Amino acid sequence: MTTATTATESARINLRTSPEAKALIERAAAIMGSTVSSFMLQNAYEAARRIVADKDTLMLSQQAFEAFVATCENPAEPTEALRKLMALR
């Protein structure tokens, strides 16, 4: 059985890294005045958000957008093949 996660609950992420990477992350966190955990979470979260947004966002040129809107506003008449397909439901 699954339960909904509330804002007060937390989940753990464990990582293994090289001593060099750990030292650099610790240094960067200190420069930012942050804990290592907060630094890593903030930066990983922002990177994940950007990646997901890039995947979920469709970019169109102005010309392509205008063609899309025009097609939506003035759709073509359904073909006989489409009518037959829709009748199969």
Protein backbone atom coordinates (compact mmCIF):
# COMPACT_ATOMS: atom_id res chain seq x y z
CA MET A 1 0.00 0.00 0.00
CA THR A 2 1.36 3.43 -0.93
CA THR A 3 0.83 6.62 0.99
CA ALA A 4 0.90 10.20 -0.22
CA THR A 5 4.06 12.13 0.60
CA THR A 6 3.45 15.31 2.57
CA ALA A 7 5.61 18.41 2.67
CA THR A 8 7.06 17.37 6.04
CA GLU A 9 8.21 13.94 4.89
CA SER A 10 11.63 13.40 3.39
CA ALA A 11 13.40 10.77 1.34
CA ARG A 12 17.04 9.80 1.40
CA ILE A 13 19.42 9.76 -1.57
CA ASN A 14 22.79 8.09 -1.05
CA LEU A 15 25.74 8.86 -3.32
CA ARG A 16 29.24 7.53 -3.69
CA THR A 17 31.94 9.68 -5.24
CA SER A 18 35.67 10.15 -5.45
CA PRO A 19 37.52 11.99 -2.68
CA GLU A 20 38.38 14.74 -5.18
CA ALA A 21 34.74 15.29 -6.16
CA LYS A 22 33.69 15.27 -2.51
CA ALA A 23 36.32 17.87 -1.62
CA LEU A 24 35.27 20.12 -4.50
CA ILE A 25 31.59 19.86 -3.57
CA GLU A 26 32.39 20.62 0.06
CA ARG A 27 34.42 23.65 -1.01
CA ALA A 28 31.64 24.92 -3.28
CA ALA A 29 29.06 24.44 -0.53
CA ALA A 30 31.25 26.38 1.91
CA ILE A 31 31.67 29.22 -0.59
CA MET A 32 27.90 29.38 -0.95
CA GLY A 33 27.44 29.31 2.84
CA SER A 34 25.48 26.09 2.57
CA THR A 35 25.68 22.55 3.87
CA VAL A 36 26.83 19.89 1.44
CA SER A 37 23.37 18.31 1.50
CA SER A 38 21.60 21.60 0.79
CA PHE A 39 24.10 22.51 -1.92
CA MET A 40 23.75 19.15 -3.65
CA LEU A 41 19.97 19.07 -3.36
CA GLN A 42 19.52 22.60 -4.68
CA ASN A 43 21.82 22.06 -7.65
CA ALA A 44 20.55 18.58 -8.50
CA TYR A 45 16.95 19.76 -8.22
CA GLU A 46 17.54 22.74 -10.50
CA ALA A 47 19.34 20.56 -13.07
CA ALA A 48 16.50 18.02 -12.97
CA ARG A 49 13.90 20.78 -13.34
CA ARG A 50 15.68 22.17 -16.41
CA ILE A 51 16.01 18.73 -18.02
CA VAL A 52 12.34 17.91 -17.47
CA ALA A 53 11.25 21.36 -18.68
CA ASP A 54 13.36 20.97 -21.83
CA LYS A 55 11.77 17.58 -22.47
CA ASP A 56 8.24 18.84 -21.82
CA THR A 57 8.51 22.11 -23.76
CA LEU A 58 7.87 22.33 -27.47
CA MET A 59 9.49 25.30 -29.19
CA LEU A 60 8.04 26.57 -32.47
CA SER A 61 9.09 29.36 -34.76
CA GLN A 62 6.55 32.15 -35.13
CA GLN A 63 5.66 30.85 -38.59
CA ALA A 64 5.12 27.27 -37.33
CA PHE A 65 3.05 28.54 -34.38
CA GLU A 66 0.84 30.60 -36.67
CA ALA A 67 0.35 27.58 -38.97
CA PHE A 68 -0.55 25.43 -35.94
CA VAL A 69 -3.09 27.97 -34.66
CA ALA A 70 -4.61 28.36 -38.13
CA THR A 71 -4.98 24.59 -38.45
CA CYS A 72 -6.62 24.36 -35.02
CA GLU A 73 -9.01 27.19 -35.83
CA ASN A 74 -9.86 25.82 -39.28
CA PRO A 75 -9.52 22.04 -39.20
CA ALA A 76 -9.79 20.03 -42.40
CA GLU A 77 -12.94 18.04 -43.05
CA PRO A 78 -12.60 14.43 -41.86
CA THR A 79 -11.75 11.94 -44.56
CA GLU A 80 -13.75 8.78 -45.19
CA ALA A 81 -10.91 6.74 -43.63
CA LEU A 82 -11.09 8.84 -40.46
CA ARG A 83 -14.87 8.46 -40.29
CA LYS A 84 -14.50 4.66 -40.58
CA LEU A 85 -11.80 4.64 -37.93
CA MET A 86 -13.88 6.68 -35.52
CA ALA A 87 -16.89 4.39 -36.12
CA LEU A 88 -14.84 1.42 -34.79
CA ARG A 89 -15.06 2.59 -31.21
